């Protein structure tokens, strides 16, 4: 999907105020998938491992793959939530070779 933030929803809009900022989003299905159906499980596993230790950088979470983050132009100290879908796909492609 392509995601688009339409507007933010303040905590006061909820009966129990959340401690996070909420947003109303639109999800539009892509005409072609960025990951093939055959790769879906492996890609999901990569995403799961990337978020396994939220406070660690992406390099630490994925250290078993020996990824050259400089070559991929990705900050190795960035946390998983800071990476774009395209960056995750480039990591996936680098370890799938």
PDB file of N, CA and C in Angstrom:
ATOM      1  N   UNK A   1       0.826  -1.192   0.000  1.00  0.00           N
ATOM      2  CA  UNK A   1       0.000   0.000   0.000  1.00  0.00           C
ATOM      3  C   UNK A   1       0.865   1.248   0.000  1.00  0.00           C
ATOM      4  N   UNK A   2       0.319   2.297  -0.540  1.00  0.00           N
ATOM      5  CA  UNK A   2       0.899   3.611  -0.372  1.00  0.00           C
ATOM      6  C   UNK A   2       0.121   4.261   0.761  1.00  0.00           C
ATOM      7  N   UNK A   3       0.839   4.803   1.723  1.00  0.00           N
ATOM      8  CA  UNK A   3       0.185   5.411   2.884  1.00  0.00           C
ATOM      9  C   UNK A   3       0.314   6.922   2.812  1.00  0.00           C
ATOM     10  N   UNK A   4      -0.741   7.577   3.233  1.00  0.00           N
ATOM     11  CA  UNK A   4      -0.753   9.041   3.235  1.00  0.00           C
ATOM     12  C   UNK A   4      -1.430   9.508   4.519  1.00  0.00           C
ATOM     13  N   UNK A   5      -0.757  10.386   5.258  1.00  0.00           N
ATOM     14  CA  UNK A   5      -1.361  10.959   6.459  1.00  0.00           C
ATOM     15  C   UNK A   5      -2.315  12.063   6.020  1.00  0.00           C
ATOM     16  N   UNK A   6      -3.576  11.915   6.392  1.00  0.00           N
ATOM     17  CA  UNK A   6      -4.574  12.919   6.029  1.00  0.00           C
ATOM     18  C   UNK A   6      -4.643  14.040   7.063  1.00  0.00           C
ATOM     19  N   UNK A   7      -4.662  13.675   8.348  1.00  0.00           N
ATOM     20  CA  UNK A   7      -4.634  14.681   9.408  1.00  0.00           C
ATOM     21  C   UNK A   7      -4.309  14.005  10.731  1.00  0.00           C
ATOM     22  N   UNK A   8      -3.822  14.795  11.663  1.00  0.00           N
ATOM     23  CA  UNK A   8      -3.502  14.298  12.996  1.00  0.00           C
ATOM     24  C   UNK A   8      -4.732  14.384  13.891  1.00  0.00           C
ATOM     25  N   UNK A   9      -4.796  13.469  14.847  1.00  0.00           N
ATOM     26  CA  UNK A   9      -5.908  13.426  15.794  1.00  0.00           C
ATOM     27  C   UNK A   9      -5.324  13.659  17.190  1.00  0.00           C
ATOM     28  N   UNK A  10      -5.708  14.749  17.854  1.00  0.00           N
ATOM     29  CA  UNK A  10      -5.126  15.043  19.166  1.00  0.00           C
ATOM     30  C   UNK A  10      -5.598  14.040  20.226  1.00  0.00           C
ATOM     31  N   UNK A  11      -4.787  13.839  21.259  1.00  0.00           N
ATOM     32  CA  UNK A  11      -5.138  12.899  22.335  1.00  0.00           C
ATOM     33  C   UNK A  11      -6.492  13.206  22.979  1.00  0.00           C
ATOM     34  N   UNK A  12      -6.888  14.474  22.994  1.00  0.00           N
ATOM     35  CA  UNK A  12      -8.154  14.873  23.604  1.00  0.00           C
ATOM     36  C   UNK A  12      -9.372  14.298  22.872  1.00  0.00           C
ATOM     37  N   UNK A  13      -9.178  13.786  21.680  1.00  0.00           N
ATOM     38  CA  UNK A  13     -10.282  13.228  20.892  1.00  0.00           C
ATOM     39  C   UNK A  13     -10.719  11.855  21.389  1.00  0.00           C
ATOM     40  N   UNK A  14      -9.966  11.263  22.292  1.00  0.00           N
ATOM     41  CA  UNK A  14     -10.251   9.921  22.777  1.00  0.00           C
ATOM     42  C   UNK A  14     -10.764   9.974  24.212  1.00  0.00           C
ATOM     43  N   UNK A  15     -11.582   8.989  24.585  1.00  0.00           N
ATOM     44  CA  UNK A  15     -12.087   8.906  25.961  1.00  0.00           C
ATOM     45  C   UNK A  15     -10.937   8.747  26.950  1.00  0.00           C
ATOM     46  N   UNK A  16     -10.036   7.847  26.627  1.00  0.00           N
ATOM     47  CA  UNK A  16      -8.811   7.689  27.416  1.00  0.00           C
ATOM     48  C   UNK A  16      -7.688   8.256  26.562  1.00  0.00           C
ATOM     49  N   UNK A  17      -7.077   9.341  27.023  1.00  0.00           N
ATOM     50  CA  UNK A  17      -6.056  10.033  26.233  1.00  0.00           C
ATOM     51  C   UNK A  17      -4.822   9.154  26.059  1.00  0.00           C
ATOM     52  N   UNK A  18      -4.457   8.849  24.806  1.00  0.00           N
ATOM     53  CA  UNK A  18      -3.216   8.101  24.585  1.00  0.00           C
ATOM     54  C   UNK A  18      -2.007   9.009  24.786  1.00  0.00           C
ATOM     55  N   UNK A  19      -0.868   8.424  25.060  1.00  0.00           N
ATOM     56  CA  UNK A  19       0.364   9.194  25.250  1.00  0.00           C
ATOM     57  C   UNK A  19       1.150   9.311  23.948  1.00  0.00           C
ATOM     58  N   UNK A  20       0.462   9.072  22.841  1.00  0.00           N
ATOM     59  CA  UNK A  20       1.090   9.159  21.523  1.00  0.00           C
ATOM     60  C   UNK A  20       0.242  10.042  20.619  1.00  0.00           C
ATOM     61  N   UNK A  21       0.856  10.532  19.561  1.00  0.00           N
ATOM     62  CA  UNK A  21       0.133  11.306  18.549  1.00  0.00           C
ATOM     63  C   UNK A  21      -0.523  10.313  17.591  1.00  0.00           C
ATOM     64  N   UNK A  22      -1.781  10.513  17.287  1.00  0.00           N
ATOM     65  CA  UNK A  22      -2.494   9.644  16.352  1.00  0.00           C
ATOM     66  C   UNK A  22      -2.717  10.389  15.044  1.00  0.00           C
ATOM     67  N   UNK A  23      -2.870   9.628  13.980  1.00  0.00           N
ATOM     68  CA  UNK A  23      -3.139  10.219  12.672  1.00  0.00           C
ATOM     69  C   UNK A  23      -4.193   9.402  11.950  1.00  0.00           C
ATOM     70  N   UNK A  24      -4.957  10.070  11.124  1.00  0.00           N
ATOM     71  CA  UNK A  24      -5.920   9.415  10.245  1.00  0.00           C
ATOM     72  C   UNK A  24      -5.217   9.250   8.914  1.00  0.00           C
ATOM     73  N   UNK A  25      -5.167   8.017   8.400  1.00  0.00           N
ATOM     74  CA  UNK A  25      -4.401   7.766   7.180  1.00  0.00           C
ATOM     75  C   UNK A  25      -5.274   7.199   6.067  1.00  0.00           C
ATOM     76  N   UNK A  26      -4.754   7.286   4.873  1.00  0.00           N
ATOM     77  CA  UNK A  26      -5.372   6.668   3.702  1.00  0.00           C
ATOM     78  C   UNK A  26      -4.392   5.625   3.182  1.00  0.00           C
ATOM     79  N   UNK A  27      -4.880   4.420   2.916  1.00  0.00           N
ATOM     80  CA  UNK A  27      -4.066   3.361   2.331  1.00  0.00           C
ATOM     81  C   UNK A  27      -4.574   3.081   0.929  1.00  0.00           C
ATOM     82  N   UNK A  28      -3.678   3.206  -0.040  1.00  0.00           N
ATOM     83  CA  UNK A  28      -4.036   2.989  -1.433  1.00  0.00           C
ATOM     84  C   UNK A  28      -3.250   1.769  -1.931  1.00  0.00           C
ATOM     85  N   UNK A  29      -3.949   0.723  -2.400  1.00  0.00           N
ATOM     86  CA  UNK A  29      -3.229  -0.452  -2.901  1.00  0.00           C
ATOM     87  C   UNK A  29      -2.323  -0.080  -4.075  1.00  0.00           C
ATOM     88  N   UNK A  30      -1.129  -0.643  -4.072  1.00  0.00           N
ATOM     89  CA  UNK A  30      -0.197  -0.408  -5.185  1.00  0.00           C
ATOM     90  C   UNK A  30      -0.615  -1.269  -6.373  1.00  0.00           C
ATOM     91  N   UNK A  31      -0.348  -0.774  -7.570  1.00  0.00           N
ATOM     92  CA  UNK A  31      -0.695  -1.555  -8.765  1.00  0.00           C
ATOM     93  C   UNK A  31       0.234  -2.766  -8.900  1.00  0.00           C
ATOM     94  N   UNK A  32       1.483  -2.609  -8.469  1.00  0.00           N
ATOM     95  CA  UNK A  32       2.420  -3.738  -8.459  1.00  0.00           C
ATOM     96  C   UNK A  32       3.078  -3.790  -7.085  1.00  0.00           C
ATOM     97  N   UNK A  33       3.276  -4.979  -6.610  1.00  0.00           N
ATOM     98  CA  UNK A  33       3.855  -5.183  -5.287  1.00  0.00           C
ATOM     99  C   UNK A  33       5.360  -4.912  -5.319  1.00  0.00           C
ATOM    100  N   UNK A  34       5.884  -4.350  -4.242  1.00  0.00           N
ATOM    101  CA  UNK A  34       7.330  -4.106  -4.145  1.00  0.00           C
ATOM    102  C   UNK A  34       8.091  -5.387  -3.817  1.00  0.00           C
ATOM    103  N   UNK A  35       7.393  -6.342  -3.214  1.00  0.00           N
ATOM    104  CA  UNK A  35       7.965  -7.639  -2.853  1.00  0.00           C
ATOM    105  C   UNK A  35       7.058  -8.713  -3.440  1.00  0.00           C
ATOM    106  N   UNK A  36       7.647  -9.696  -4.091  1.00  0.00           N
ATOM    107  CA  UNK A  36       6.822 -10.757  -4.677  1.00  0.00           C
ATOM    108  C   UNK A  36       6.235 -11.638  -3.586  1.00  0.00           C
ATOM    109  N   UNK A  37       5.185 -12.335  -3.923  1.00  0.00           N
ATOM    110  CA  UNK A  37       4.517 -13.217  -2.964  1.00  0.00           C
ATOM    111  C   UNK A  37       5.491 -14.273  -2.453  1.00  0.00           C
ATOM    112  N   UNK A  38       6.377 -14.754  -3.312  1.00  0.00           N
ATOM    113  CA  UNK A  38       7.362 -15.774  -2.916  1.00  0.00           C
ATOM    114  C   UNK A  38       8.330 -15.252  -1.856  1.00  0.00           C
ATOM    115  N   UNK A  39       8.585 -13.954  -1.855  1.00  0.00           N
ATOM    116  CA  UNK A  39       9.545 -13.352  -0.921  1.00  0.00           C
ATOM    117  C   UNK A  39       8.885 -12.842   0.361  1.00  0.00           C
ATOM    118  N   UNK A  40       7.588 -12.877   0.419  1.00  0.00           N
ATOM    119  CA  UNK A  40       6.849 -12.238   1.500  1.00  0.00           C
ATOM    120  C   UNK A  40       7.252 -12.737   2.889  1.00  0.00           C
ATOM    121  N   UNK A  41       7.396 -14.030   3.079  1.00  0.00           N
ATOM    122  CA  UNK A  41       7.734 -14.574   4.398  1.00  0.00           C
ATOM    123  C   UNK A  41       9.138 -14.152   4.806  1.00  0.00           C
ATOM    124  N   UNK A  42      10.089 -14.239   3.879  1.00  0.00           N
ATOM    125  CA  UNK A  42      11.468 -13.840   4.194  1.00  0.00           C
ATOM    126  C   UNK A  42      11.549 -12.350   4.511  1.00  0.00           C
ATOM    127  N   UNK A  43      10.814 -11.540   3.754  1.00  0.00           N
ATOM    128  CA  UNK A  43      10.807 -10.098   3.990  1.00  0.00           C
ATOM    129  C   UNK A  43      10.179  -9.794   5.348  1.00  0.00           C
ATOM    130  N   UNK A  44       9.097 -10.469   5.675  1.00  0.00           N
ATOM    131  CA  UNK A  44       8.443 -10.282   6.983  1.00  0.00           C
ATOM    132  C   UNK A  44       9.383 -10.656   8.123  1.00  0.00           C
ATOM    133  N   UNK A  45      10.157 -11.717   7.942  1.00  0.00           N
ATOM    134  CA  UNK A  45      11.130 -12.115   8.956  1.00  0.00           C
ATOM    135  C   UNK A  45      12.204 -11.046   9.146  1.00  0.00           C
ATOM    136  N   UNK A  46      12.639 -10.432   8.048  1.00  0.00           N
ATOM    137  CA  UNK A  46      13.618  -9.343   8.135  1.00  0.00           C
ATOM    138  C   UNK A  46      13.033  -8.167   8.921  1.00  0.00           C
ATOM    139  N   UNK A  47      11.804  -7.821   8.644  1.00  0.00           N
ATOM    140  CA  UNK A  47      11.146  -6.722   9.354  1.00  0.00           C
ATOM    141  C   UNK A  47      11.028  -7.060  10.839  1.00  0.00           C
ATOM    142  N   UNK A  48      10.619  -8.282  11.150  1.00  0.00           N
ATOM    143  CA  UNK A  48      10.504  -8.715  12.551  1.00  0.00           C
ATOM    144  C   UNK A  48      11.840  -8.588  13.276  1.00  0.00           C
ATOM    145  N   UNK A  49      12.909  -9.040  12.635  1.00  0.00           N
ATOM    146  CA  UNK A  49      14.235  -8.949  13.256  1.00  0.00           C
ATOM    147  C   UNK A  49      14.688  -7.504  13.402  1.00  0.00           C
ATOM    148  N   UNK A  50      14.324  -6.663  12.454  1.00  0.00           N
ATOM    149  CA  UNK A  50      14.713  -5.255  12.502  1.00  0.00           C
ATOM    150  C   UNK A  50      14.112  -4.551  13.707  1.00  0.00           C
ATOM    151  N   UNK A  51      12.911  -4.968  14.104  1.00  0.00           N
ATOM    152  CA  UNK A  51      12.212  -4.351  15.230  1.00  0.00           C
ATOM    153  C   UNK A  51      12.344  -5.161  16.526  1.00  0.00           C
ATOM    154  N   UNK A  52      13.158  -6.223  16.518  1.00  0.00           N
ATOM    155  CA  UNK A  52      13.267  -7.110  17.680  1.00  0.00           C
ATOM    156  C   UNK A  52      13.692  -6.361  18.941  1.00  0.00           C
ATOM    157  N   UNK A  53      14.669  -5.497  18.827  1.00  0.00           N
ATOM    158  CA  UNK A  53      15.144  -4.688  19.954  1.00  0.00           C
ATOM    159  C   UNK A  53      15.004  -3.234  19.547  1.00  0.00           C
ATOM    160  N   UNK A  54      13.870  -2.643  19.872  1.00  0.00           N
ATOM    161  CA  UNK A  54      13.530  -1.299  19.389  1.00  0.00           C
ATOM    162  C   UNK A  54      14.559  -0.232  19.718  1.00  0.00           C
ATOM    163  N   UNK A  55      15.246  -0.380  20.825  1.00  0.00           N
ATOM    164  CA  UNK A  55      16.183   0.664  21.230  1.00  0.00           C
ATOM    165  C   UNK A  55      17.549   0.538  20.556  1.00  0.00           C
ATOM    166  N   UNK A  56      17.761  -0.546  19.837  1.00  0.00           N
ATOM    167  CA  UNK A  56      19.033  -0.747  19.153  1.00  0.00           C
ATOM    168  C   UNK A  56      18.951  -0.232  17.722  1.00  0.00           C
ATOM    169  N   UNK A  57      20.113   0.100  17.177  1.00  0.00           N
ATOM    170  CA  UNK A  57      20.188   0.529  15.792  1.00  0.00           C
ATOM    171  C   UNK A  57      19.993  -0.652  14.866  1.00  0.00           C
ATOM    172  N   UNK A  58      19.700  -0.347  13.614  1.00  0.00           N
ATOM    173  CA  UNK A  58      19.440  -1.378  12.621  1.00  0.00           C
ATOM    174  C   UNK A  58      20.645  -2.298  12.440  1.00  0.00           C
ATOM    175  N   UNK A  59      21.844  -1.749  12.547  1.00  0.00           N
ATOM    176  CA  UNK A  59      23.055  -2.568  12.386  1.00  0.00           C
ATOM    177  C   UNK A  59      23.132  -3.641  13.463  1.00  0.00           C
ATOM    178  N   UNK A  60      22.805  -3.294  14.699  1.00  0.00           N
ATOM    179  CA  UNK A  60      22.843  -4.272  15.784  1.00  0.00           C
ATOM    180  C   UNK A  60      21.755  -5.322  15.635  1.00  0.00           C
ATOM    181  N   UNK A  61      20.574  -4.908  15.246  1.00  0.00           N
ATOM    182  CA  UNK A  61      19.473  -5.865  15.092  1.00  0.00           C
ATOM    183  C   UNK A  61      19.706  -6.847  13.953  1.00  0.00           C
ATOM    184  N   UNK A  62      20.450  -6.421  12.935  1.00  0.00           N
ATOM    185  CA  UNK A  62      20.675  -7.277  11.766  1.00  0.00           C
ATOM    186  C   UNK A  62      22.142  -7.692  11.624  1.00  0.00           C
ATOM    187  N   UNK A  63      22.893  -7.708  12.731  1.00  0.00           N
ATOM    188  CA  UNK A  63      24.334  -7.966  12.651  1.00  0.00           C
ATOM    189  C   UNK A  63      24.685  -9.337  12.082  1.00  0.00           C
ATOM    190  N   UNK A  64      23.818 -10.313  12.205  1.00  0.00           N
ATOM    191  CA  UNK A  64      24.134 -11.652  11.695  1.00  0.00           C
ATOM    192  C   UNK A  64      24.182 -11.704  10.164  1.00  0.00           C
ATOM    193  N   UNK A  65      23.653 -10.663   9.503  1.00  0.00           N
ATOM    194  CA  UNK A  65      23.632 -10.651   8.041  1.00  0.00           C
ATOM    195  C   UNK A  65      24.862 -10.007   7.410  1.00  0.00           C
ATOM    196  N   UNK A  66      25.700  -9.329   8.204  1.00  0.00           N
ATOM    197  CA  UNK A  66      26.918  -8.695   7.694  1.00  0.00           C
ATOM    198  C   UNK A  66      26.607  -7.773   6.504  1.00  0.00           C
ATOM    199  N   UNK A  67      25.773  -6.789   6.726  1.00  0.00           N
ATOM    200  CA  UNK A  67      25.305  -5.860   5.690  1.00  0.00           C
ATOM    201  C   UNK A  67      26.227  -4.655   5.618  1.00  0.00           C
ATOM    202  N   UNK A  68      26.570  -4.230   4.402  1.00  0.00           N
ATOM    203  CA  UNK A  68      27.357  -3.019   4.200  1.00  0.00           C
ATOM    204  C   UNK A  68      26.379  -1.843   4.066  1.00  0.00           C
ATOM    205  N   UNK A  69      26.057  -1.238   5.205  1.00  0.00           N
ATOM    206  CA  UNK A  69      25.067  -0.154   5.220  1.00  0.00           C
ATOM    207  C   UNK A  69      25.560   1.081   4.466  1.00  0.00           C
ATOM    208  N   UNK A  70      26.870   1.311   4.465  1.00  0.00           N
ATOM    209  CA  UNK A  70      27.404   2.461   3.722  1.00  0.00           C
ATOM    210  C   UNK A  70      27.144   2.304   2.235  1.00  0.00           C
ATOM    211  N   UNK A  71      27.335   1.115   1.715  1.00  0.00           N
ATOM    212  CA  UNK A  71      27.084   0.863   0.292  1.00  0.00           C
ATOM    213  C   UNK A  71      25.606   1.083  -0.044  1.00  0.00           C
ATOM    214  N   UNK A  72      24.732   0.751   0.896  1.00  0.00           N
ATOM    215  CA  UNK A  72      23.291   0.935   0.687  1.00  0.00           C
ATOM    216  C   UNK A  72      22.840   2.361   0.991  1.00  0.00           C
ATOM    217  N   UNK A  73      23.773   3.179   1.477  1.00  0.00           N
ATOM    218  CA  UNK A  73      23.483   4.566   1.833  1.00  0.00           C
ATOM    219  C   UNK A  73      22.419   4.654   2.934  1.00  0.00           C
ATOM    220  N   UNK A  74      22.577   3.772   3.946  1.00  0.00           N
ATOM    221  CA  UNK A  74      21.666   3.736   5.090  1.00  0.00           C
ATOM    222  C   UNK A  74      22.487   3.951   6.353  1.00  0.00           C
ATOM    223  N   UNK A  75      22.019   4.822   7.225  1.00  0.00           N
ATOM    224  CA  UNK A  75      22.701   5.084   8.485  1.00  0.00           C
ATOM    225  C   UNK A  75      22.611   3.830   9.360  1.00  0.00           C
ATOM    226  N   UNK A  76      23.746   3.192   9.682  1.00  0.00           N
ATOM    227  CA  UNK A  76      23.712   1.971  10.490  1.00  0.00           C
ATOM    228  C   UNK A  76      23.259   2.214  11.928  1.00  0.00           C
ATOM    229  N   UNK A  77      23.281   3.460  12.378  1.00  0.00           N
ATOM    230  CA  UNK A  77      22.844   3.781  13.740  1.00  0.00           C
ATOM    231  C   UNK A  77      21.354   4.097  13.814  1.00  0.00           C
ATOM    232  N   UNK A  78      20.704   4.180  12.668  1.00  0.00           N
ATOM    233  CA  UNK A  78      19.265   4.482  12.637  1.00  0.00           C
ATOM    234  C   UNK A  78      18.490   3.322  13.245  1.00  0.00           C
ATOM    235  N   UNK A  79      17.396   3.657  13.888  1.00  0.00           N
ATOM    236  CA  UNK A  79      16.500   2.623  14.418  1.00  0.00           C
ATOM    237  C   UNK A  79      15.537   2.196  13.317  1.00  0.00           C
ATOM    238  N   UNK A  80      14.988   1.014  13.463  1.00  0.00           N
ATOM    239  CA  UNK A  80      14.123   0.447  12.422  1.00  0.00           C
ATOM    240  C   UNK A  80      12.974   1.377  12.042  1.00  0.00           C
ATOM    241  N   UNK A  81      12.381   2.047  13.027  1.00  0.00           N
ATOM    242  CA  UNK A  81      11.228   2.910  12.723  1.00  0.00           C
ATOM    243  C   UNK A  81      11.607   4.137  11.908  1.00  0.00           C
ATOM    244  N   UNK A  82      12.899   4.417  11.781  1.00  0.00           N
ATOM    245  CA  UNK A  82      13.351   5.570  11.005  1.00  0.00           C
ATOM    246  C   UNK A  82      13.595   5.230   9.535  1.00  0.00           C
ATOM    247  N   UNK A  83      13.556   3.946   9.185  1.00  0.00           N
ATOM    248  CA  UNK A  83      13.831   3.534   7.808  1.00  0.00           C
ATOM    249  C   UNK A  83      12.566   3.542   6.965  1.00  0.00           C
ATOM    250  N   UNK A  84      12.742   3.845   5.694  1.00  0.00           N
ATOM    251  CA  UNK A  84      11.616   3.816   4.751  1.00  0.00           C
ATOM    252  C   UNK A  84      11.436   2.393   4.217  1.00  0.00           C
ATOM    253  N   UNK A  85      10.312   2.172   3.584  1.00  0.00           N
ATOM    254  CA  UNK A  85      10.059   0.868   2.963  1.00  0.00           C
ATOM    255  C   UNK A  85      11.129   0.572   1.913  1.00  0.00           C
ATOM    256  N   UNK A  86      11.524   1.594   1.160  1.00  0.00           N
ATOM    257  CA  UNK A  86      12.531   1.414   0.121  1.00  0.00           C
ATOM    258  C   UNK A  86      13.873   0.999   0.727  1.00  0.00           C
ATOM    259  N   UNK A  87      14.214   1.544   1.891  1.00  0.00           N
ATOM    260  CA  UNK A  87      15.461   1.163   2.554  1.00  0.00           C
ATOM    261  C   UNK A  87      15.402  -0.282   3.043  1.00  0.00           C
ATOM    262  N   UNK A  88      14.265  -0.698   3.580  1.00  0.00           N
ATOM    263  CA  UNK A  88      14.114  -2.102   3.976  1.00  0.00           C
ATOM    264  C   UNK A  88      14.237  -3.024   2.770  1.00  0.00           C
ATOM    265  N   UNK A  89      13.666  -2.618   1.656  1.00  0.00           N
ATOM    266  CA  UNK A  89      13.748  -3.446   0.448  1.00  0.00           C
ATOM    267  C   UNK A  89      15.182  -3.528  -0.047  1.00  0.00           C
ATOM    268  N   UNK A  90      15.934  -2.431   0.015  1.00  0.00           N
ATOM    269  CA  UNK A  90      17.334  -2.491  -0.424  1.00  0.00           C
ATOM    270  C   UNK A  90      18.160  -3.390   0.499  1.00  0.00           C
ATOM    271  N   UNK A  91      17.880  -3.379   1.800  1.00  0.00           N
ATOM    272  CA  UNK A  91      18.541  -4.306   2.723  1.00  0.00           C
ATOM    273  C   UNK A  91      18.170  -5.737   2.364  1.00  0.00           C
ATOM    274  N   UNK A  92      16.895  -5.971   2.131  1.00  0.00           N
ATOM    275  CA  UNK A  92      16.411  -7.308   1.772  1.00  0.00           C
ATOM    276  C   UNK A  92      17.087  -7.806   0.508  1.00  0.00           C
ATOM    277  N   UNK A  93      17.179  -6.950  -0.492  1.00  0.00           N
ATOM    278  CA  UNK A  93      17.821  -7.335  -1.747  1.00  0.00           C
ATOM    279  C   UNK A  93      19.316  -7.630  -1.539  1.00  0.00           C
ATOM    280  N   UNK A  94      19.964  -6.873  -0.667  1.00  0.00           N
ATOM    281  CA  UNK A  94      21.395  -7.081  -0.413  1.00  0.00           C
ATOM    282  C   UNK A  94      21.670  -8.422   0.261  1.00  0.00           C
ATOM    283  N   UNK A  95      20.789  -8.861   1.148  1.00  0.00           N
ATOM    284  CA  UNK A  95      21.026 -10.138   1.840  1.00  0.00           C
ATOM    285  C   UNK A  95      20.431 -11.317   1.084  1.00  0.00           C
ATOM    286  N   UNK A  96      19.599 -11.057   0.089  1.00  0.00           N
ATOM    287  CA  UNK A  96      18.980 -12.137  -0.686  1.00  0.00           C
ATOM    288  C   UNK A  96      19.814 -12.573  -1.872  1.00  0.00           C
ATOM    289  N   UNK A  97      20.903 -11.869  -2.110  1.00  0.00           N
ATOM    290  CA  UNK A  97      21.738 -12.174  -3.294  1.00  0.00           C
ATOM    291  C   UNK A  97      22.475 -13.466  -3.089  1.00  0.00           C
TER     292      UNK A  97
END
